[in-house]
Amino acid sequence: MCSTKNKRTGKSLKDKIAHQRDHLIHSRRDFLWRTGLAGATMMLPFKNTLLKAASVNPFLSAINQTEHDRILVLVRLAGGNDGLNTIVPRGLTQERYQQKRPQLYIPAQQLSNTIIDDSNAFNPAFKQLMPMWKDGNMAAINNVAYENPSYSHFRATDIWATATESNIFEDRGWLGRYIDTIMPAFSEAPPVVPVALEVGDVAELAFQGKYNSTSLSINSVDQFYSVAQNGKLYDTNFLGDCNRDQEILFLREIANSSFYYKDAIQEAYDASFSKSPAKAYPATDLGERLHIIAQMIKGGLGTKIYMLSLGGFDTHNDQNNRQAPLLHEYAEAIQCFYQDMKNYQLSNKVLTLTFSEFGRTWAQNHSGGTDHGLGGPVFLHGGNINGGLYGAQPDITKVSVREDPAHQFDFKTIYAAILKNWLCINPQIANYVLGKDIEPFDNLIPVCKYAPTANDRAVLLGHQIHIGQPDMIEIQYAIKRDMRIQLELLNQFGQVIFMLYQGEQTQGTHTIIFNKAKHPIPKGRYFYRLKAGAEVHTKAITIFV
């Protein structure tokens, strides 16, 4: 049996140039997202960040149209959180853990208030989360990763964001891929509230659709309150008469007047005033941003997905003084957030998923820190989950210092549980976005029995134009039983110009390839229509070349 070991280029500080290059690439990508320069159709520098509210994400639309009021909050611990000092080994593996981390191990006497079981305890910084843990409202999943993991921040973050295998490069996020599930009328009539909201200075790839990011991204706490209180993204006061300031004024006025969701945010903000938290949120970045999310939830904004990040977990050195304060900030903010939700009978409707792009090596390095390594823990919080500890510590007794033990769980099974059981969307669409039929993580979230409607025996999943092969257009659809189907290409007047497929097909997902080189059509807007049994599904497509 052959095995392929990962080349750990850029994993540790001693990799020098490769490590610096990884951070540079990662930082550059974040910069591009923040400024909007990563988009393909920008006219203004803020097009793909703050004005991306005008983009349409059909996945999020599908969620908003589902008959439930559940909310998902995603928290990314950016930089690679060290799992072994978050869920700390006890018992049989403790000796090995202490031996390889002589300065970093957490002594047993410090774990008395955060004991999980005979083999595990949480970092003492999680003390404030223990009531949630004991009430069954918190789940910890140990040793989560994927096959052939990457140790590059940039690449590993993308893999988690796109829910793909490590050898597949995808430019659309696992949430953004639902861009191919929307009906054409939705782009002309977008929802009146943002279906996803990010609070922070980085627009996440997870929401990237085919052409634009598909969430509303508020870059800072101050910017949110500017919108909520004044209805403006940007301050237009105190600008001078010089050409430069007048150009800035012009751009800011366009941005302010174009901001689609300002009324909805202001209304939710005003409605939340009468629903004060039991105690003040901590004055930390995470605390302030979770407070914003709580205000929008309590104010009835209607947004189904929120996302934010907590950075600083790349602890190559001085880990003892860096990781614990971050974990404390996380625990304090989450505890306050859920107490706030509980006070207003919302804790059963809000699920928080917390993850990091990778963990750290199980042995400490020579700088008082750890390098990029092990699969790490994932946490879920909420009143409607099956809490507890899932999985075991990585088996560090059978590998050398430069090797990582095998991971136990693939993160995509957690995504499948969220899509199919928490958000309760069409399983065919969930399988499409994950690339294959993935069984949900067992027993984590109570099973949702998706009930298809009479008009839900077929799903028109969408299309993809190949990069470098603009003439090749893939159209994908799924049918839930064997049936006769027709797939047609229509012009803008609704007239059939090509019959792409006609005949009997078996249940499952199918792909039809339309070769424009063989069937030339001019640039413009078209539609493709799936007729399956008595159902008809239509989607729009724009041909640019």
Protein backbone atom coordinates (compact mmCIF):
# COMPACT_ATOMS: atom_id res chain seq x y z
CA MET A 1 0.00 0.00 0.00
CA CYS A 2 1.40 3.37 -0.96
CA SER A 3 1.05 6.50 1.12
CA THR A 4 1.65 10.08 0.13
CA LYS A 5 3.04 12.41 2.77
CA ASN A 6 2.26 16.07 2.54
CA LYS A 7 5.05 18.44 1.73
CA ARG A 8 4.94 20.83 4.64
CA THR A 9 6.32 23.82 2.77
CA GLY A 10 5.36 26.96 4.64
CA LYS A 11 4.20 25.04 7.69
CA SER A 12 6.64 26.48 10.22
CA LEU A 13 8.64 29.66 10.74
CA LYS A 14 11.87 27.89 9.80
CA ASP A 15 10.48 27.38 6.30
CA LYS A 16 11.24 31.11 6.03
CA ILE A 17 10.58 32.22 2.44
CA ALA A 18 7.82 29.67 1.84
CA HIS A 19 6.12 30.57 5.11
CA GLN A 20 6.35 34.28 4.40
CA ARG A 21 5.02 33.71 0.89
CA ASP A 22 1.98 31.88 2.27
CA HIS A 23 1.19 34.75 4.63
CA LEU A 24 1.74 37.26 1.83
CA ILE A 25 -0.62 35.42 -0.51
CA HIS A 26 -3.20 35.05 2.25
CA SER A 27 -2.95 38.72 3.20
CA ARG A 28 -3.10 39.80 -0.44
CA ARG A 29 -6.26 37.77 -1.06
CA ASP A 30 -7.89 39.29 2.03
CA PHE A 31 -6.88 42.75 0.80
CA LEU A 32 -8.41 42.07 -2.59
CA TRP A 33 -11.65 40.92 -0.97
CA ARG A 34 -11.78 43.96 1.28
CA THR A 35 -11.22 46.42 -1.53
CA GLY A 36 -13.39 44.62 -4.05
CA LEU A 37 -10.54 44.12 -6.54
CA ALA A 38 -11.12 40.37 -6.61
CA GLY A 39 -14.41 40.68 -8.47
CA ALA A 40 -14.80 40.25 -12.20
CA THR A 41 -17.24 43.05 -12.94
CA MET A 42 -16.24 45.97 -10.72
CA MET A 43 -17.08 49.54 -11.66
CA LEU A 44 -16.34 51.06 -8.27
CA PRO A 45 -13.74 49.99 -5.69
CA PHE A 46 -16.41 48.98 -3.20
CA LYS A 47 -18.46 46.98 -5.69
CA ASN A 48 -17.66 43.53 -4.35
CA THR A 49 -17.58 44.42 -0.67
CA LEU A 50 -20.23 46.80 0.55
CA LEU A 51 -22.34 47.04 -2.58
CA LYS A 52 -22.32 43.32 -3.11
CA ALA A 53 -25.69 43.30 -1.37
CA ALA A 54 -27.10 43.69 -4.86
CA SER A 55 -25.64 40.29 -5.81
CA VAL A 56 -28.06 37.39 -5.64
CA ASN A 57 -27.32 34.09 -3.96
CA PRO A 58 -29.92 31.46 -4.75
CA PHE A 59 -28.70 29.11 -2.01
CA LEU A 60 -29.43 31.77 0.54
CA SER A 61 -32.66 32.55 -1.25
CA ALA A 62 -33.60 28.88 -0.99
CA ILE A 63 -32.88 29.03 2.73
CA ASN A 64 -34.99 32.17 3.14
CA GLN A 65 -37.86 30.46 1.37
CA THR A 66 -37.80 27.39 3.62
CA GLU A 67 -40.54 27.12 6.19
CA HIS A 68 -38.49 27.55 9.33
CA ASP A 69 -36.98 30.39 11.29
CA ARG A 70 -33.60 28.82 12.03
CA ILE A 71 -30.45 30.92 11.92
CA LEU A 72 -26.83 29.87 11.35
CA VAL A 73 -23.88 31.82 12.78
CA LEU A 74 -20.43 30.89 11.46
CA VAL A 75 -17.32 31.78 13.49
CA ARG A 76 -13.88 31.23 11.96
CA LEU A 77 -10.88 31.04 14.30
CA ALA A 78 -8.41 32.38 11.76
CA GLY A 79 -4.79 31.31 11.77
CA GLY A 80 -5.07 27.67 12.81
CA ASN A 81 -6.26 27.11 16.38
CA ASP A 82 -4.23 24.60 18.42
CA GLY A 83 -6.60 21.72 19.18
CA LEU A 84 -4.51 19.92 21.80
CA ASN A 85 -4.55 22.94 24.08
CA THR A 86 -8.25 23.58 23.40
CA ILE A 87 -9.48 20.06 24.15
CA VAL A 88 -6.69 18.96 26.47
CA PRO A 89 -5.63 15.29 26.81
CA ARG A 90 -6.02 13.60 30.18
CA GLY A 91 -5.53 10.05 31.33
CA LEU A 92 -3.51 7.64 29.16
CA THR A 93 -2.34 10.21 26.58
CA GLN A 94 -1.46 12.90 29.10
CA GLU A 95 2.11 11.70 29.67
CA ARG A 96 2.96 11.78 25.97
CA TYR A 97 1.30 15.20 25.67
CA GLN A 98 3.38 16.63 28.52
CA GLN A 99 6.57 15.04 27.22
CA LYS A 100 6.30 16.69 23.82
CA ARG A 101 5.03 20.03 25.16
CA PRO A 102 7.22 20.69 28.20
CA GLN A 103 6.47 24.43 28.21
CA LEU A 104 3.05 24.41 26.57
CA TYR A 105 1.17 21.59 28.31
CA ILE A 106 -1.62 22.62 30.66
CA PRO A 107 -1.18 21.08 34.15
CA ALA A 108 -3.96 18.83 35.41
CA GLN A 109 -4.67 21.04 38.43
CA GLN A 110 -5.65 23.90 36.10
CA LEU A 111 -8.32 21.76 34.44
CA SER A 112 -10.51 21.07 37.47
CA ASN A 113 -13.28 23.45 36.35
CA THR A 114 -13.41 22.36 32.71
CA ILE A 115 -13.30 18.55 32.85
CA ILE A 116 -15.15 16.76 30.05
CA ASP A 117 -14.42 13.13 30.99
CA ASP A 118 -11.55 10.92 32.12
CA SER A 119 -9.62 11.55 28.90
CA ASN A 120 -10.39 15.17 28.06
CA ALA A 121 -10.84 18.66 29.46
CA PHE A 122 -11.38 22.05 27.89
CA ASN A 123 -8.80 24.79 28.11
CA PRO A 124 -9.41 26.70 31.39
CA ALA A 125 -10.36 29.71 29.22
CA PHE A 126 -13.59 27.85 28.38
CA LYS A 127 -14.82 28.00 31.98
CA GLN A 128 -17.68 30.33 31.07
CA LEU A 129 -18.97 27.82 28.53
CA MET A 130 -19.30 24.97 31.03
CA PRO A 131 -22.95 25.74 31.92
CA MET A 132 -23.84 25.41 28.23
CA TRP A 133 -21.79 22.22 28.06
CA LYS A 134 -23.53 20.68 31.07
CA ASP A 135 -26.95 21.65 29.73
CA GLY A 136 -26.23 19.82 26.45
CA ASN A 137 -26.22 23.01 24.41
CA MET A 138 -22.63 22.64 23.18
CA ALA A 139 -21.01 19.98 21.02
CA ALA A 140 -17.26 19.48 20.57
CA ILE A 141 -16.04 17.39 17.64
CA ASN A 142 -12.45 16.27 17.96
CA ASN A 143 -9.93 15.72 15.19
CA VAL A 144 -11.74 17.20 12.16
CA ALA A 145 -9.92 17.64 8.84
CA TYR A 146 -9.92 16.07 5.35
CA GLU A 147 -7.76 13.80 3.21
CA ASN A 148 -4.31 15.11 2.22
CA PRO A 149 -4.64 18.35 4.19
CA SER A 150 -2.92 21.56 3.19
CA TYR A 151 -0.78 23.47 5.69
CA SER A 152 -1.01 26.76 3.83
CA HIS A 153 -3.36 29.29 5.46
CA PHE A 154 -4.49 30.43 2.03
CA ARG A 155 -5.19 27.00 0.57
CA ALA A 156 -6.60 25.42 3.74
CA THR A 157 -9.00 28.32 4.25
CA ASP A 158 -10.18 27.95 0.65
CA ILE A 159 -10.77 24.22 1.08
CA TRP A 160 -13.00 24.81 4.09
CA ALA A 161 -14.75 27.69 2.30
CA THR A 162 -15.45 25.72 -0.89
CA ALA A 163 -16.10 22.29 0.69
CA THR A 164 -13.97 20.57 -1.94
CA GLU A 165 -11.28 17.92 -1.88
CA SER A 166 -7.72 19.19 -1.40
CA ASN A 167 -6.81 18.50 -5.04
CA ILE A 168 -9.76 20.45 -6.45
CA PHE A 169 -9.53 24.21 -6.94
CA GLU A 170 -12.92 25.89 -6.85
CA ASP A 171 -13.58 29.62 -7.03
CA ARG A 172 -17.10 29.47 -5.60
CA GLY A 173 -17.89 28.95 -1.93
CA TRP A 174 -19.98 26.13 -0.52
CA LEU A 175 -22.73 28.66 0.17
CA GLY A 176 -22.19 30.69 -2.98
CA ARG A 177 -22.57 27.64 -5.22
CA TYR A 178 -26.28 27.90 -4.75
CA ILE A 179 -26.03 30.66 -7.36
CA ASP A 180 -27.15 27.97 -9.80
CA THR A 181 -30.41 27.14 -8.02
CA ILE A 182 -32.33 30.40 -8.38
CA MET A 183 -35.22 31.10 -10.67
CA PRO A 184 -34.58 33.91 -13.17
CA ALA A 185 -37.15 36.28 -11.64
CA PHE A 186 -35.21 36.46 -8.37
CA SER A 187 -32.44 38.63 -9.85
CA GLU A 188 -35.07 41.17 -10.91
CA ALA A 189 -36.82 40.98 -7.53
CA PRO A 190 -34.20 40.45 -4.79
CA PRO A 191 -35.35 39.94 -1.20
CA VAL A 192 -35.93 43.01 0.92
CA VAL A 193 -33.48 41.83 3.60
CA PRO A 194 -29.93 40.48 3.26
CA VAL A 195 -29.99 36.71 3.26
CA ALA A 196 -26.42 36.60 4.64
CA LEU A 197 -24.52 39.16 6.66
CA GLU A 198 -20.78 39.30 7.44
CA VAL A 199 -19.49 41.58 10.16
CA GLY A 200 -15.75 42.08 9.81
CA ASP A 201 -13.02 43.29 7.49
CA VAL A 202 -12.78 40.21 5.26
CA ALA A 203 -15.39 39.04 2.76
CA GLU A 204 -15.39 35.25 3.05
CA LEU A 205 -14.89 33.02 0.01
CA ALA A 206 -17.63 30.77 1.41
CA PHE A 207 -20.19 33.24 0.01
CA GLN A 208 -18.56 33.73 -3.39
CA GLY A 209 -20.90 32.97 -6.26
CA LYS A 210 -20.23 32.68 -9.96
CA TYR A 211 -19.69 36.39 -10.53
CA ASN A 212 -19.89 38.21 -7.21
CA SER A 213 -19.90 37.65 -3.51
CA THR A 214 -23.41 36.90 -2.35
CA SER A 215 -23.51 38.28 1.18
CA LEU A 216 -23.76 41.75 2.61
CA SER A 217 -20.42 42.57 4.21
CA ILE A 218 -20.22 45.32 6.83
CA ASN A 219 -16.53 46.10 7.23
CA SER A 220 -16.54 47.36 10.81
CA VAL A 221 -18.63 47.91 13.90
CA ASP A 222 -18.57 51.66 13.26
CA GLN A 223 -19.83 51.16 9.73
CA PHE A 224 -22.72 49.04 10.95
CA TYR A 225 -23.85 51.71 13.38
CA SER A 226 -23.50 54.32 10.66
CA VAL A 227 -26.00 52.32 8.60
CA ALA A 228 -28.26 51.44 11.53
CA GLN A 229 -28.44 54.96 12.93
CA ASN A 230 -27.98 57.19 9.89
CA GLY A 231 -28.74 54.99 6.90
CA LYS A 232 -25.29 55.66 5.43
CA LEU A 233 -22.30 53.46 4.69
CA TYR A 234 -19.93 56.40 4.47
CA ASP A 235 -19.68 59.77 6.18
CA THR A 236 -20.01 62.60 3.65
CA ASN A 237 -19.21 65.39 6.09
CA PHE A 238 -15.90 67.18 6.52
CA LEU A 239 -14.75 66.77 2.93
CA GLY A 240 -13.09 69.77 1.26
CA ASP A 241 -13.48 71.46 -2.12
CA CYS A 242 -10.35 70.00 -3.72
CA ASN A 243 -10.76 67.59 -6.65
CA ARG A 244 -9.70 64.57 -4.61
CA ASP A 245 -12.25 65.20 -1.83
CA GLN A 246 -15.00 65.93 -4.35
CA GLU A 247 -14.30 62.63 -6.10
CA ILE A 248 -14.47 60.82 -2.76
CA LEU A 249 -17.73 62.62 -1.99
CA PHE A 250 -19.16 61.54 -5.34
CA LEU A 251 -18.28 57.88 -4.76
CA ARG A 252 -19.58 57.90 -1.20
CA GLU A 253 -22.87 59.47 -2.22
CA ILE A 254 -23.33 56.79 -4.90
CA ALA A 255 -22.53 54.05 -2.38
CA ASN A 256 -24.94 55.51 0.20
CA SER A 257 -27.78 55.95 -2.27
CA SER A 258 -27.20 52.48 -3.77
CA PHE A 259 -27.16 50.62 -0.46
CA TYR A 260 -30.13 48.34 -0.88
CA TYR A 261 -30.69 47.06 2.66
CA LYS A 262 -30.36 50.22 4.75
CA ASP A 263 -34.09 50.45 5.54
CA ALA A 264 -34.30 46.81 6.68
CA ILE A 265 -31.23 47.19 8.91
CA GLN A 266 -32.51 50.44 10.43
CA GLU A 267 -35.91 48.89 11.16
CA ALA A 268 -34.34 45.85 12.85
CA TYR A 269 -31.98 48.06 14.83
CA ASP A 270 -34.86 50.23 16.07
CA ALA A 271 -36.95 47.16 16.95
CA SER A 272 -34.10 45.69 19.03
CA PHE A 273 -33.94 48.72 21.34
CA SER A 274 -36.64 47.35 23.62
CA LYS A 275 -34.81 43.98 23.91
CA SER A 276 -31.70 44.78 25.90
CA PRO A 277 -29.29 41.98 26.86
CA ALA A 278 -29.26 40.80 30.47
CA LYS A 279 -25.67 41.99 30.75
CA ALA A 280 -23.39 44.12 28.62
CA TYR A 281 -21.51 42.36 25.88
CA PRO A 282 -17.73 42.24 26.41
CA ALA A 283 -15.86 45.19 24.88
CA THR A 284 -13.88 42.96 22.52
CA ASP A 285 -13.97 42.66 18.75
CA LEU A 286 -15.92 39.40 18.90
CA GLY A 287 -18.19 40.63 21.66
CA GLU A 288 -19.12 43.80 19.78
CA ARG A 289 -19.77 41.95 16.53
CA LEU A 290 -21.88 39.25 18.21
CA HIS A 291 -23.83 42.06 19.85
CA ILE A 292 -24.60 43.41 16.37
CA ILE A 293 -25.79 39.99 15.22
CA ALA A 294 -27.94 39.64 18.34
CA GLN A 295 -29.52 43.03 17.66
CA MET A 296 -30.40 42.02 14.11
CA ILE A 297 -31.85 38.67 15.24
CA LYS A 298 -33.90 40.21 18.07
CA GLY A 299 -35.00 43.03 15.80
CA GLY A 300 -36.42 40.52 13.31
CA LEU A 301 -34.18 41.36 10.35
CA GLY A 302 -34.92 37.97 8.79
CA THR A 303 -31.34 37.18 7.73
CA LYS A 304 -30.66 33.44 7.99
CA ILE A 305 -26.83 33.29 7.94
CA TYR A 306 -24.24 35.41 9.73
CA MET A 307 -20.45 35.10 9.69
CA LEU A 308 -17.53 36.63 11.55
CA SER A 309 -13.88 35.80 12.27
CA LEU A 310 -11.59 35.94 15.27
CA GLY A 311 -7.94 36.12 14.21
CA GLY A 312 -4.59 35.64 15.90
CA PHE A 313 -4.42 31.84 16.21
CA ASP A 314 -1.21 31.41 14.18
CA THR A 315 0.80 30.75 17.35
CA HIS A 316 4.27 29.84 16.09
CA ASN A 317 5.74 31.49 19.17
CA ASP A 318 4.69 32.58 22.66
CA GLN A 319 1.58 30.41 22.45
CA ASN A 320 0.92 30.37 26.20
CA ASN A 321 0.38 34.12 26.20
CA ARG A 322 -1.51 34.28 22.90
CA GLN A 323 -3.98 31.40 22.61
CA ALA A 324 -5.64 31.45 26.04
CA PRO A 325 -6.73 35.13 25.83
CA LEU A 326 -8.27 34.47 22.41
CA LEU A 327 -10.14 31.40 23.68
CA HIS A 328 -11.34 33.46 26.65
CA GLU A 329 -12.57 36.18 24.29
CA TYR A 330 -14.44 33.55 22.30
CA ALA A 331 -15.97 31.84 25.36
CA GLU A 332 -17.02 35.10 26.99
CA ALA A 333 -18.68 36.44 23.83
CA ILE A 334 -20.47 33.16 22.97
CA GLN A 335 -21.77 32.77 26.53
CA CYS A 336 -23.13 36.31 26.53
CA PHE A 337 -24.66 35.88 23.07
CA TYR A 338 -26.55 32.71 24.00
CA GLN A 339 -27.71 34.13 27.31
CA ASP A 340 -29.11 37.02 25.29
CA MET A 341 -30.79 34.61 22.87
CA LYS A 342 -32.19 32.53 25.75
CA ASN A 343 -33.72 35.59 27.40
CA TYR A 344 -35.85 36.10 24.29
CA GLN A 345 -36.63 32.40 23.60
CA LEU A 346 -34.30 32.34 20.60
CA SER A 347 -31.55 29.94 21.68
CA ASN A 348 -33.28 26.94 20.06
CA LYS A 349 -33.41 28.79 16.75
CA VAL A 350 -29.75 29.86 16.53
CA LEU A 351 -26.92 27.44 15.75
CA THR A 352 -23.28 28.54 15.92
CA LEU A 353 -20.60 26.60 14.05
CA THR A 354 -16.98 27.38 15.01
CA PHE A 355 -14.02 26.09 13.00
CA SER A 356 -10.41 26.83 12.03
CA GLU A 357 -8.54 26.09 8.82
CA PHE A 358 -6.25 23.57 10.56
CA GLY A 359 -4.79 22.73 13.95
CA ARG A 360 -1.19 22.72 15.17
CA THR A 361 1.58 20.16 15.55
CA TRP A 362 1.31 18.00 18.66
CA ALA A 363 4.95 18.73 19.59
CA GLN A 364 5.99 22.26 20.47
CA ASN A 365 8.66 24.01 18.44
CA HIS A 366 11.76 25.87 19.69
CA SER A 367 9.98 29.24 19.85
CA GLY A 368 7.48 28.42 22.55
CA GLY A 369 4.76 27.72 20.01
CA THR A 370 3.42 25.17 17.55
CA ASP A 371 3.40 24.92 13.77
CA HIS A 372 0.69 24.10 11.25
CA GLY A 373 -0.51 20.55 11.73
CA LEU A 374 -3.19 18.33 13.20
CA GLY A 375 -6.85 18.26 12.41
CA GLY A 376 -8.56 20.49 14.94
CA PRO A 377 -11.77 20.65 16.95
CA VAL A 378 -15.07 22.05 15.71
CA PHE A 379 -17.68 23.45 18.10
CA LEU A 380 -21.43 23.85 17.83
CA HIS A 381 -23.60 25.85 20.20
CA GLY A 382 -27.36 26.06 20.41
CA GLY A 383 -30.42 24.79 22.20
CA ASN A 384 -31.49 22.39 19.47
CA ILE A 385 -28.45 20.14 19.01
CA ASN A 386 -27.25 16.90 20.54
CA GLY A 387 -24.47 18.23 22.74
CA GLY A 388 -21.45 16.35 24.00
CA LEU A 389 -18.01 15.20 22.87
CA TYR A 390 -17.65 13.44 19.53
CA GLY A 391 -14.48 11.57 18.63
CA ALA A 392 -11.19 10.94 20.37
CA GLN A 393 -7.95 12.83 20.69
CA PRO A 394 -5.55 12.35 17.75
CA ASP A 395 -3.43 9.27 18.47
CA ILE A 396 -0.03 10.88 18.99
CA THR A 397 1.51 7.68 20.35
CA LYS A 398 2.09 6.06 16.95
CA VAL A 399 3.68 8.78 14.87
CA SER A 400 6.92 10.71 14.78
CA VAL A 401 7.21 14.42 15.58
CA ARG A 402 7.08 15.38 11.90
CA GLU A 403 3.96 13.31 11.17
CA ASP A 404 0.32 13.98 11.87
CA PRO A 405 -2.07 11.28 13.09
CA ALA A 406 -4.98 10.43 10.83
CA HIS A 407 -8.04 12.63 11.25
CA GLN A 408 -11.27 11.03 12.43
CA PHE A 409 -13.98 13.18 10.83
CA ASP A 410 -14.28 14.98 7.50
CA PHE A 411 -15.57 18.53 7.90
CA LYS A 412 -17.93 18.09 4.94
CA THR A 413 -20.07 15.68 7.00
CA ILE A 414 -20.69 18.56 9.42
CA TYR A 415 -21.64 20.81 6.50
CA ALA A 416 -24.02 18.08 5.30
CA ALA A 417 -25.66 17.97 8.75
CA ILE A 418 -26.14 21.73 8.67
CA LEU A 419 -27.54 21.79 5.13
CA LYS A 420 -29.81 18.77 5.41
CA ASN A 421 -30.81 18.78 9.08
CA TRP A 422 -30.46 22.35 10.37
CA LEU A 423 -31.36 24.39 7.29
CA CYS A 424 -33.51 21.52 6.03
CA ILE A 425 -33.08 22.24 2.33
CA ASN A 426 -33.71 19.94 -0.58
CA PRO A 427 -31.25 17.00 -0.24
CA GLN A 428 -30.58 17.03 -3.98
CA ILE A 429 -29.40 20.64 -3.74
CA ALA A 430 -27.30 19.81 -0.69
CA ASN A 431 -25.61 16.98 -2.58
CA TYR A 432 -25.00 19.26 -5.53
CA VAL A 433 -23.29 21.93 -3.48
CA LEU A 434 -21.10 19.36 -1.71
CA GLY A 435 -20.16 17.69 -4.97
CA LYS A 436 -21.56 14.30 -4.00
CA ASP A 437 -24.01 12.60 -1.65
CA ILE A 438 -22.42 13.00 1.79
CA GLU A 439 -24.11 11.50 4.82
CA PRO A 440 -24.66 14.06 7.59
CA PHE A 441 -22.57 13.77 10.73
CA ASP A 442 -24.48 11.20 12.77
CA ASN A 443 -26.63 12.32 15.71
CA LEU A 444 -25.23 15.85 15.81
CA ILE A 445 -28.41 17.68 14.77
CA PRO A 446 -31.87 16.08 14.97
CA VAL A 447 -32.83 14.72 11.56
CA CYS A 448 -34.99 16.98 9.44
CA LYS A 449 -37.45 15.04 7.32
CA TYR A 450 -37.51 17.16 4.23
CA ALA A 451 -41.00 17.06 2.73
CA PRO A 452 -40.95 17.63 -1.05
CA THR A 453 -43.88 19.51 -2.46
CA ALA A 454 -45.84 18.45 -5.51
CA ASN A 455 -43.53 20.68 -7.55
CA ASP A 456 -40.35 19.28 -6.09
CA ARG A 457 -39.65 16.01 -7.90
CA ALA A 458 -37.02 17.65 -10.08
CA VAL A 459 -34.37 20.28 -9.45
CA LEU A 460 -32.71 22.45 -12.09
CA LEU A 461 -29.34 22.90 -10.41
CA GLY A 462 -27.73 25.36 -12.79
CA HIS A 463 -24.99 25.79 -15.34
CA GLN A 464 -21.24 26.25 -15.50
CA ILE A 465 -19.19 27.79 -18.30
CA HIS A 466 -15.74 26.23 -18.42
CA ILE A 467 -12.79 28.54 -17.80
CA GLY A 468 -10.64 28.47 -20.93
CA GLN A 469 -13.45 26.71 -22.83
CA PRO A 470 -16.18 29.34 -23.17
CA ASP A 471 -17.97 27.30 -25.83
CA MET A 472 -18.58 24.41 -23.39
CA ILE A 473 -21.57 24.97 -21.11
CA GLU A 474 -22.59 22.30 -18.60
CA ILE A 475 -26.22 22.26 -17.46
CA GLN A 476 -26.98 20.15 -14.40
CA TYR A 477 -30.29 18.91 -13.02
CA ALA A 478 -31.58 16.18 -10.73
CA ILE A 479 -34.71 14.02 -10.83
CA LYS A 480 -36.04 12.01 -7.91
CA ARG A 481 -37.45 9.10 -9.91
CA ASP A 482 -37.11 7.60 -13.38
CA MET A 483 -39.01 9.77 -15.83
CA ARG A 484 -39.10 11.28 -19.28
CA ILE A 485 -37.50 14.72 -19.50
CA GLN A 486 -36.92 17.49 -22.03
CA LEU A 487 -34.17 20.09 -21.74
CA GLU A 488 -34.57 23.06 -24.09
CA LEU A 489 -32.69 26.26 -24.87
CA LEU A 490 -34.94 29.31 -25.37
CA ASN A 491 -34.31 32.81 -26.66
CA GLN A 492 -35.36 35.93 -24.74
CA PHE A 493 -38.82 35.74 -26.28
CA GLY A 494 -39.41 32.23 -24.91
CA GLN A 495 -39.04 30.49 -28.26
CA VAL A 496 -37.26 27.10 -28.34
CA ILE A 497 -34.10 27.33 -30.44
CA PHE A 498 -32.44 24.01 -29.49
CA MET A 499 -33.66 20.75 -27.98
CA LEU A 500 -30.72 19.83 -25.75
CA TYR A 501 -32.09 16.46 -24.60
CA GLN A 502 -35.28 14.47 -24.89
CA GLY A 503 -35.89 11.00 -23.52
CA GLU A 504 -36.13 8.70 -20.50
CA GLN A 505 -33.61 9.14 -17.67
CA THR A 506 -33.00 7.43 -14.33
CA GLN A 507 -33.24 9.15 -10.97
CA GLY A 508 -30.19 11.11 -9.84
CA THR A 509 -28.06 14.02 -11.01
CA HIS A 510 -27.40 14.50 -14.73
CA THR A 511 -25.23 16.81 -16.81
CA ILE A 512 -25.91 17.92 -20.38
CA ILE A 513 -23.13 19.71 -22.28
CA PHE A 514 -24.09 22.37 -24.80
CA ASN A 515 -21.28 23.03 -27.28
CA LYS A 516 -21.76 26.56 -28.58
CA ALA A 517 -19.09 26.01 -31.24
CA LYS A 518 -21.31 23.41 -32.89
CA HIS A 519 -24.49 25.43 -32.40
CA PRO A 520 -23.45 29.11 -32.76
CA ILE A 521 -25.67 31.63 -31.06
CA PRO A 522 -25.06 35.38 -30.65
CA LYS A 523 -24.23 37.06 -27.36
CA GLY A 524 -27.22 37.81 -25.20
CA ARG A 525 -29.67 36.55 -22.60
CA TYR A 526 -31.20 33.09 -22.97
CA PHE A 527 -33.12 30.59 -20.88
CA TYR A 528 -32.90 26.85 -20.48
CA ARG A 529 -36.00 24.90 -19.49
CA LEU A 530 -36.36 21.49 -17.88
CA LYS A 531 -39.61 19.62 -18.38
CA ALA A 532 -39.80 16.63 -16.03
CA GLY A 533 -43.12 14.83 -15.82
CA ALA A 534 -45.66 17.57 -15.22
CA GLU A 535 -43.09 20.01 -13.85
CA VAL A 536 -41.39 22.89 -15.64
CA HIS A 537 -38.24 24.62 -14.33
CA THR A 538 -36.54 27.55 -16.04
CA LYS A 539 -33.29 29.44 -15.45
CA ALA A 540 -31.55 32.31 -17.20
CA ILE A 541 -28.11 32.26 -18.79
CA THR A 542 -26.13 35.12 -20.32
CA ILE A 543 -23.78 34.35 -23.21
CA PHE A 544 -20.92 36.85 -23.24
CA VAL A 545 -18.87 35.57 -26.19
